[in-house]
């Protein structure tokens, strides 16, 4: 149910983003989805790859600081109100979404959202009770 996500910490300067991307490319590792967040001094490149352990080792050997976290790939209706329908299931139960970003491919008529959730197991339970599909790693990777 949960996917491993790599977070790479970068200085917020020109050329810093290409360093981890080049290291992964040279190792033949494809980035399936990513999100880049920044502050004035640093950025966090969050990415999902099929072989996260290999990618983590390659990035660390390249001198990157890498953190591994668990995220959920949640199917949401791809229509007005689709996101709100998911939020309205979690918020009343006090389940906190720390951040989220969209995956660029669809699954049927649904979009796929990547979410880092404070209590992922509880979120899975709540969403499954409402028949919301949480993609397994194998299913998520098969979309690429």
N, C-alpha and C. Protein backbone atom coordinates (compact mmCIF):
# COMPACT_ATOMS: atom_id res chain seq x y z
N UNK A 1 0.80 -1.20 0.00
CA UNK A 1 0.00 0.00 0.00
C UNK A 1 0.85 1.27 0.00
N UNK A 2 1.95 1.26 0.70
CA UNK A 2 2.77 2.47 0.81
C UNK A 2 3.92 2.40 -0.19
N UNK A 3 4.27 3.56 -0.72
CA UNK A 3 5.41 3.68 -1.63
C UNK A 3 6.56 4.35 -0.88
N UNK A 4 7.76 4.01 -1.27
CA UNK A 4 8.93 4.69 -0.72
C UNK A 4 9.24 5.90 -1.59
N UNK A 5 9.44 7.02 -0.96
CA UNK A 5 9.76 8.26 -1.64
C UNK A 5 11.12 8.74 -1.15
N UNK A 6 11.93 9.21 -2.07
CA UNK A 6 13.23 9.76 -1.71
C UNK A 6 13.11 11.28 -1.67
N UNK A 7 13.67 11.88 -0.64
CA UNK A 7 13.75 13.34 -0.54
C UNK A 7 15.22 13.70 -0.56
N UNK A 8 15.59 14.51 -1.54
CA UNK A 8 16.97 14.91 -1.72
C UNK A 8 17.06 16.40 -1.37
N UNK A 9 17.97 16.73 -0.45
CA UNK A 9 18.12 18.11 -0.01
C UNK A 9 19.17 18.80 -0.87
N UNK A 10 18.78 19.96 -1.41
CA UNK A 10 19.63 20.68 -2.35
C UNK A 10 19.78 22.14 -1.95
N UNK A 11 20.93 22.70 -2.25
CA UNK A 11 21.09 24.14 -2.13
C UNK A 11 20.24 24.78 -3.21
N UNK A 12 19.63 25.91 -2.91
CA UNK A 12 18.80 26.60 -3.89
C UNK A 12 19.69 27.52 -4.73
N UNK A 13 20.46 26.90 -5.64
CA UNK A 13 21.36 27.62 -6.53
C UNK A 13 21.29 26.98 -7.91
N UNK A 14 21.57 27.75 -8.95
CA UNK A 14 21.55 27.19 -10.30
C UNK A 14 22.47 25.97 -10.43
N UNK A 15 21.99 24.95 -11.10
CA UNK A 15 22.78 23.76 -11.36
C UNK A 15 22.70 22.67 -10.30
N UNK A 16 22.16 22.96 -9.14
CA UNK A 16 22.10 21.96 -8.07
C UNK A 16 21.10 20.85 -8.37
N UNK A 17 20.03 21.17 -9.07
CA UNK A 17 19.00 20.18 -9.38
C UNK A 17 19.50 19.14 -10.38
N UNK A 18 20.37 19.56 -11.29
CA UNK A 18 20.84 18.62 -12.31
C UNK A 18 21.75 17.53 -11.73
N UNK A 19 22.42 17.81 -10.63
CA UNK A 19 23.36 16.84 -10.05
C UNK A 19 22.69 15.50 -9.70
N UNK A 20 21.62 15.46 -8.89
CA UNK A 20 21.00 14.16 -8.60
C UNK A 20 20.32 13.55 -9.82
N UNK A 21 19.75 14.39 -10.68
CA UNK A 21 19.09 13.87 -11.89
C UNK A 21 20.11 13.19 -12.80
N UNK A 22 21.28 13.79 -12.93
CA UNK A 22 22.34 13.21 -13.76
C UNK A 22 22.83 11.89 -13.16
N UNK A 23 23.01 11.85 -11.86
CA UNK A 23 23.48 10.63 -11.20
C UNK A 23 22.51 9.48 -11.44
N UNK A 24 21.21 9.75 -11.33
CA UNK A 24 20.21 8.71 -11.57
C UNK A 24 20.18 8.30 -13.04
N UNK A 25 20.27 9.27 -13.92
CA UNK A 25 20.25 8.98 -15.36
C UNK A 25 21.43 8.09 -15.75
N UNK A 26 22.61 8.41 -15.25
CA UNK A 26 23.80 7.62 -15.57
C UNK A 26 23.69 6.19 -15.05
N UNK A 27 22.90 6.00 -13.99
CA UNK A 27 22.70 4.66 -13.43
C UNK A 27 21.51 3.94 -14.09
N UNK A 28 20.85 4.62 -15.03
CA UNK A 28 19.71 4.00 -15.71
C UNK A 28 18.44 3.97 -14.89
N UNK A 29 18.33 4.85 -13.92
CA UNK A 29 17.14 4.88 -13.06
C UNK A 29 16.21 5.98 -13.54
N UNK A 30 14.97 5.59 -13.84
CA UNK A 30 13.96 6.51 -14.33
C UNK A 30 13.18 7.11 -13.16
N UNK A 31 13.02 8.42 -13.18
CA UNK A 31 12.20 9.11 -12.18
C UNK A 31 10.74 9.02 -12.64
N UNK A 32 9.89 8.39 -11.82
CA UNK A 32 8.49 8.19 -12.20
C UNK A 32 7.65 9.43 -11.95
N UNK A 33 7.88 10.10 -10.85
CA UNK A 33 7.21 11.35 -10.53
C UNK A 33 8.07 12.11 -9.55
N UNK A 34 7.90 13.43 -9.54
CA UNK A 34 8.71 14.24 -8.63
C UNK A 34 7.98 15.51 -8.26
N UNK A 35 8.49 16.12 -7.22
CA UNK A 35 7.99 17.40 -6.74
C UNK A 35 9.20 18.15 -6.21
N UNK A 36 9.28 19.44 -6.49
CA UNK A 36 10.38 20.26 -6.00
C UNK A 36 9.79 21.39 -5.17
N UNK A 37 10.20 21.48 -3.93
CA UNK A 37 9.77 22.56 -3.04
C UNK A 37 11.01 23.35 -2.66
N UNK A 38 10.82 24.64 -2.42
CA UNK A 38 11.99 25.44 -2.12
C UNK A 38 11.75 26.47 -1.03
N UNK A 39 12.85 26.90 -0.46
CA UNK A 39 12.90 28.08 0.39
C UNK A 39 14.00 28.94 -0.22
N UNK A 40 14.30 30.02 0.41
CA UNK A 40 15.32 30.91 -0.14
C UNK A 40 16.70 30.25 -0.22
N UNK A 41 17.02 29.37 0.75
CA UNK A 41 18.36 28.81 0.82
C UNK A 41 18.48 27.36 0.35
N UNK A 42 17.42 26.58 0.44
CA UNK A 42 17.53 25.18 0.05
C UNK A 42 16.23 24.70 -0.59
N UNK A 43 16.32 23.54 -1.21
CA UNK A 43 15.15 22.92 -1.81
C UNK A 43 15.09 21.45 -1.43
N UNK A 44 13.93 20.88 -1.60
CA UNK A 44 13.75 19.44 -1.38
C UNK A 44 13.16 18.86 -2.67
N UNK A 45 13.92 17.95 -3.26
CA UNK A 45 13.47 17.22 -4.43
C UNK A 45 12.89 15.90 -3.94
N UNK A 46 11.58 15.75 -4.08
CA UNK A 46 10.93 14.50 -3.68
C UNK A 46 10.66 13.71 -4.95
N UNK A 47 11.05 12.43 -4.93
CA UNK A 47 10.87 11.64 -6.14
C UNK A 47 10.57 10.19 -5.81
N UNK A 48 9.93 9.55 -6.79
CA UNK A 48 9.61 8.13 -6.67
C UNK A 48 10.22 7.43 -7.87
N UNK A 49 10.92 6.35 -7.58
CA UNK A 49 11.56 5.50 -8.59
C UNK A 49 11.20 4.05 -8.26
N UNK A 50 11.36 3.17 -9.22
CA UNK A 50 11.04 1.75 -8.97
C UNK A 50 12.00 1.13 -7.95
N UNK A 51 13.28 1.32 -8.12
CA UNK A 51 14.28 0.72 -7.22
C UNK A 51 14.83 1.80 -6.30
N UNK A 52 14.06 2.11 -5.25
CA UNK A 52 14.43 3.23 -4.38
C UNK A 52 15.73 2.97 -3.62
N UNK A 53 16.00 1.71 -3.27
CA UNK A 53 17.23 1.42 -2.52
C UNK A 53 18.47 1.68 -3.38
N UNK A 54 18.43 1.23 -4.61
CA UNK A 54 19.55 1.48 -5.53
C UNK A 54 19.71 2.99 -5.75
N UNK A 55 18.59 3.67 -5.98
CA UNK A 55 18.64 5.12 -6.21
C UNK A 55 19.20 5.85 -4.99
N UNK A 56 18.80 5.44 -3.82
CA UNK A 56 19.31 6.08 -2.59
C UNK A 56 20.82 5.90 -2.50
N UNK A 57 21.29 4.69 -2.74
CA UNK A 57 22.74 4.44 -2.68
C UNK A 57 23.50 5.27 -3.71
N UNK A 58 22.97 5.36 -4.92
CA UNK A 58 23.63 6.13 -5.98
C UNK A 58 23.67 7.61 -5.60
N UNK A 59 22.57 8.13 -5.10
CA UNK A 59 22.52 9.54 -4.72
C UNK A 59 23.48 9.84 -3.57
N UNK A 60 23.53 8.95 -2.59
CA UNK A 60 24.43 9.17 -1.47
C UNK A 60 25.89 9.09 -1.92
N UNK A 61 26.22 8.16 -2.81
CA UNK A 61 27.58 8.08 -3.35
C UNK A 61 27.94 9.33 -4.13
N UNK A 62 26.92 9.99 -4.70
CA UNK A 62 27.14 11.23 -5.45
C UNK A 62 27.21 12.45 -4.52
N UNK A 63 27.12 12.20 -3.22
CA UNK A 63 27.25 13.28 -2.25
C UNK A 63 25.94 13.95 -1.85
N UNK A 64 24.82 13.37 -2.21
CA UNK A 64 23.52 13.95 -1.86
C UNK A 64 23.07 13.49 -0.47
N UNK A 65 22.34 14.35 0.20
CA UNK A 65 21.70 13.99 1.46
C UNK A 65 20.30 13.51 1.10
N UNK A 66 19.98 12.26 1.48
CA UNK A 66 18.73 11.62 1.06
C UNK A 66 17.98 11.11 2.28
N UNK A 67 16.69 11.34 2.29
CA UNK A 67 15.81 10.81 3.32
C UNK A 67 14.75 9.94 2.64
N UNK A 68 14.37 8.84 3.28
CA UNK A 68 13.33 7.96 2.74
C UNK A 68 12.08 8.11 3.60
N UNK A 69 10.94 8.29 2.95
CA UNK A 69 9.67 8.35 3.66
C UNK A 69 8.64 7.53 2.92
N UNK A 70 7.52 7.29 3.57
CA UNK A 70 6.44 6.53 2.96
C UNK A 70 5.33 7.47 2.54
N UNK A 71 4.80 7.23 1.34
CA UNK A 71 3.68 8.02 0.82
C UNK A 71 2.63 7.06 0.28
N UNK A 72 1.45 7.59 0.04
CA UNK A 72 0.36 6.81 -0.53
C UNK A 72 0.07 7.30 -1.94
N UNK A 73 -0.26 6.40 -2.84
CA UNK A 73 -0.73 6.74 -4.18
C UNK A 73 -2.24 6.49 -4.17
N UNK A 74 -3.00 7.56 -4.13
CA UNK A 74 -4.45 7.48 -3.94
C UNK A 74 -5.16 7.81 -5.25
N UNK A 75 -6.06 6.94 -5.66
CA UNK A 75 -6.89 7.24 -6.83
C UNK A 75 -7.97 8.22 -6.41
N UNK A 76 -8.11 9.29 -7.19
CA UNK A 76 -9.16 10.26 -6.92
C UNK A 76 -9.96 10.49 -8.20
N UNK A 77 -11.25 10.76 -8.08
CA UNK A 77 -12.03 11.05 -9.27
C UNK A 77 -11.45 12.27 -9.99
N UNK A 78 -11.26 12.15 -11.29
CA UNK A 78 -10.69 13.25 -12.07
C UNK A 78 -11.83 14.11 -12.61
N UNK A 79 -12.41 14.88 -11.68
CA UNK A 79 -13.53 15.75 -12.02
C UNK A 79 -13.61 16.85 -10.97
N UNK A 80 -14.35 17.92 -11.23
CA UNK A 80 -14.50 18.95 -10.21
C UNK A 80 -15.03 18.33 -8.90
N UNK A 81 -14.37 18.63 -7.82
CA UNK A 81 -14.76 18.09 -6.52
C UNK A 81 -14.10 16.78 -6.16
N UNK A 82 -13.32 16.21 -7.08
CA UNK A 82 -12.66 14.92 -6.80
C UNK A 82 -11.72 15.00 -5.61
N UNK A 83 -10.89 16.02 -5.56
CA UNK A 83 -9.96 16.19 -4.44
C UNK A 83 -10.72 16.44 -3.15
N UNK A 84 -11.74 17.26 -3.22
CA UNK A 84 -12.52 17.58 -2.02
C UNK A 84 -13.17 16.33 -1.46
N UNK A 85 -13.57 15.40 -2.33
CA UNK A 85 -14.21 14.18 -1.83
C UNK A 85 -13.25 13.37 -0.96
N UNK A 86 -11.98 13.37 -1.30
CA UNK A 86 -10.98 12.66 -0.50
C UNK A 86 -10.71 13.41 0.80
N UNK A 87 -10.53 14.73 0.69
CA UNK A 87 -10.27 15.54 1.88
C UNK A 87 -11.40 15.46 2.88
N UNK A 88 -12.63 15.41 2.40
CA UNK A 88 -13.79 15.36 3.31
C UNK A 88 -13.89 14.04 4.06
N UNK A 89 -13.17 13.03 3.60
CA UNK A 89 -13.12 11.76 4.32
C UNK A 89 -12.07 11.78 5.42
N UNK A 90 -10.98 12.48 5.18
CA UNK A 90 -9.85 12.46 6.11
C UNK A 90 -9.91 13.56 7.17
N UNK A 91 -10.28 14.76 6.78
CA UNK A 91 -10.25 15.89 7.71
C UNK A 91 -11.15 15.71 8.93
N UNK A 92 -12.38 15.22 8.78
CA UNK A 92 -13.21 15.04 9.98
C UNK A 92 -12.63 14.02 10.96
N UNK A 93 -11.75 13.13 10.47
CA UNK A 93 -11.12 12.13 11.33
C UNK A 93 -9.78 12.63 11.85
N UNK A 94 -9.47 13.91 11.62
CA UNK A 94 -8.23 14.56 12.08
C UNK A 94 -6.98 13.89 11.51
N UNK A 95 -7.06 13.42 10.27
CA UNK A 95 -5.90 12.85 9.58
C UNK A 95 -5.24 13.98 8.81
N UNK A 96 -3.99 14.25 9.12
CA UNK A 96 -3.26 15.38 8.56
C UNK A 96 -2.50 14.98 7.29
N UNK A 97 -2.74 15.71 6.21
CA UNK A 97 -1.95 15.55 4.98
C UNK A 97 -0.82 16.55 5.05
N UNK A 98 0.41 16.06 5.10
CA UNK A 98 1.57 16.93 5.22
C UNK A 98 1.87 17.63 3.90
N UNK A 99 1.79 16.91 2.79
CA UNK A 99 1.93 17.49 1.46
C UNK A 99 1.43 16.48 0.45
N UNK A 100 1.22 16.95 -0.79
CA UNK A 100 0.77 16.06 -1.85
C UNK A 100 1.21 16.63 -3.19
N UNK A 101 1.22 15.76 -4.18
CA UNK A 101 1.48 16.18 -5.56
C UNK A 101 0.85 15.16 -6.49
N UNK A 102 0.62 15.57 -7.72
CA UNK A 102 -0.08 14.70 -8.67
C UNK A 102 0.91 13.87 -9.46
N UNK A 103 0.48 12.68 -9.79
CA UNK A 103 1.20 11.80 -10.71
C UNK A 103 0.67 12.15 -12.10
N UNK A 104 1.51 12.15 -13.11
CA UNK A 104 1.12 12.69 -14.41
C UNK A 104 0.27 11.74 -15.26
N UNK A 105 0.17 10.49 -14.91
CA UNK A 105 -0.64 9.54 -15.67
C UNK A 105 -1.94 9.25 -14.93
N UNK A 106 -2.95 8.85 -15.69
CA UNK A 106 -4.22 8.50 -15.10
C UNK A 106 -4.35 6.98 -14.96
N UNK A 107 -5.27 6.57 -14.15
CA UNK A 107 -5.63 5.16 -14.02
C UNK A 107 -7.11 5.09 -14.36
N UNK A 108 -7.41 4.71 -15.59
CA UNK A 108 -8.80 4.74 -16.06
C UNK A 108 -9.29 6.17 -16.09
N UNK A 109 -10.42 6.43 -15.44
CA UNK A 109 -10.96 7.79 -15.39
C UNK A 109 -10.52 8.53 -14.14
N UNK A 110 -9.64 7.93 -13.36
CA UNK A 110 -9.18 8.55 -12.13
C UNK A 110 -7.78 9.14 -12.29
N UNK A 111 -7.52 10.18 -11.52
CA UNK A 111 -6.18 10.72 -11.39
C UNK A 111 -5.51 10.00 -10.22
N UNK A 112 -4.20 10.11 -10.13
CA UNK A 112 -3.47 9.52 -9.01
C UNK A 112 -2.75 10.64 -8.28
N UNK A 113 -2.96 10.71 -6.98
CA UNK A 113 -2.34 11.73 -6.14
C UNK A 113 -1.36 11.04 -5.19
N UNK A 114 -0.18 11.60 -5.05
CA UNK A 114 0.80 11.11 -4.09
C UNK A 114 0.65 11.96 -2.84
N UNK A 115 0.51 11.34 -1.68
CA UNK A 115 0.30 12.10 -0.45
C UNK A 115 1.15 11.55 0.68
N UNK A 116 1.80 12.44 1.39
CA UNK A 116 2.49 12.10 2.63
C UNK A 116 1.51 12.43 3.74
N UNK A 117 1.09 11.41 4.46
CA UNK A 117 0.06 11.56 5.48
C UNK A 117 0.63 11.16 6.83
N UNK A 118 0.36 11.98 7.81
CA UNK A 118 0.91 11.79 9.15
C UNK A 118 0.64 10.39 9.68
N UNK A 119 -0.58 9.92 9.58
CA UNK A 119 -0.94 8.57 10.03
C UNK A 119 -1.47 7.79 8.82
N UNK A 120 -0.53 7.29 8.01
CA UNK A 120 -0.88 6.64 6.75
C UNK A 120 -1.77 5.42 6.95
N UNK A 121 -1.51 4.62 7.97
CA UNK A 121 -2.33 3.43 8.19
C UNK A 121 -3.78 3.80 8.48
N UNK A 122 -3.98 4.83 9.26
CA UNK A 122 -5.34 5.28 9.57
C UNK A 122 -6.01 5.83 8.31
N UNK A 123 -5.27 6.57 7.51
CA UNK A 123 -5.81 7.10 6.27
C UNK A 123 -6.23 5.96 5.34
N UNK A 124 -5.40 4.94 5.23
CA UNK A 124 -5.74 3.78 4.39
C UNK A 124 -7.05 3.17 4.85
N UNK A 125 -7.18 2.98 6.15
CA UNK A 125 -8.40 2.38 6.71
C UNK A 125 -9.63 3.23 6.39
N UNK A 126 -9.53 4.53 6.59
CA UNK A 126 -10.67 5.44 6.34
C UNK A 126 -11.04 5.43 4.86
N UNK A 127 -10.06 5.55 4.00
CA UNK A 127 -10.33 5.62 2.56
C UNK A 127 -10.87 4.30 2.02
N UNK A 128 -10.34 3.20 2.50
CA UNK A 128 -10.84 1.89 2.04
C UNK A 128 -12.29 1.67 2.45
N UNK A 129 -12.68 2.15 3.64
CA UNK A 129 -14.07 2.03 4.07
C UNK A 129 -15.01 2.77 3.13
N UNK A 130 -14.48 3.78 2.44
CA UNK A 130 -15.26 4.57 1.48
C UNK A 130 -15.00 4.12 0.04
N UNK A 131 -14.39 2.94 -0.11
CA UNK A 131 -14.09 2.34 -1.42
C UNK A 131 -13.15 3.17 -2.28
N UNK A 132 -12.23 3.89 -1.63
CA UNK A 132 -11.20 4.64 -2.35
C UNK A 132 -10.00 3.71 -2.51
N UNK A 133 -9.49 3.61 -3.72
CA UNK A 133 -8.39 2.70 -4.01
C UNK A 133 -7.05 3.34 -3.67
N UNK A 134 -6.25 2.64 -2.89
CA UNK A 134 -4.87 3.01 -2.62
C UNK A 134 -4.03 2.04 -3.44
N UNK A 135 -3.22 2.57 -4.34
CA UNK A 135 -2.46 1.70 -5.23
C UNK A 135 -1.30 1.02 -4.50
N UNK A 136 -1.08 -0.22 -4.82
CA UNK A 136 0.10 -0.92 -4.33
C UNK A 136 1.30 -0.42 -5.13
N UNK A 137 2.49 -0.68 -4.63
CA UNK A 137 3.69 -0.27 -5.36
C UNK A 137 3.71 -0.92 -6.74
N UNK A 138 3.38 -2.19 -6.84
CA UNK A 138 3.40 -2.89 -8.12
C UNK A 138 2.43 -2.27 -9.11
N UNK A 139 1.22 -1.92 -8.66
CA UNK A 139 0.25 -1.30 -9.54
C UNK A 139 0.72 0.08 -9.96
N UNK A 140 1.23 0.84 -9.01
CA UNK A 140 1.72 2.19 -9.32
C UNK A 140 2.83 2.11 -10.37
N UNK A 141 3.81 1.23 -10.15
CA UNK A 141 4.94 1.13 -11.09
C UNK A 141 4.49 0.65 -12.46
N UNK A 142 3.41 -0.13 -12.52
CA UNK A 142 2.94 -0.63 -13.82
C UNK A 142 2.31 0.49 -14.67
N UNK A 143 1.99 1.62 -14.07
CA UNK A 143 1.42 2.73 -14.81
C UNK A 143 2.45 3.45 -15.67
N UNK A 144 3.72 3.20 -15.40
CA UNK A 144 4.76 3.95 -16.11
C UNK A 144 5.25 3.20 -17.33
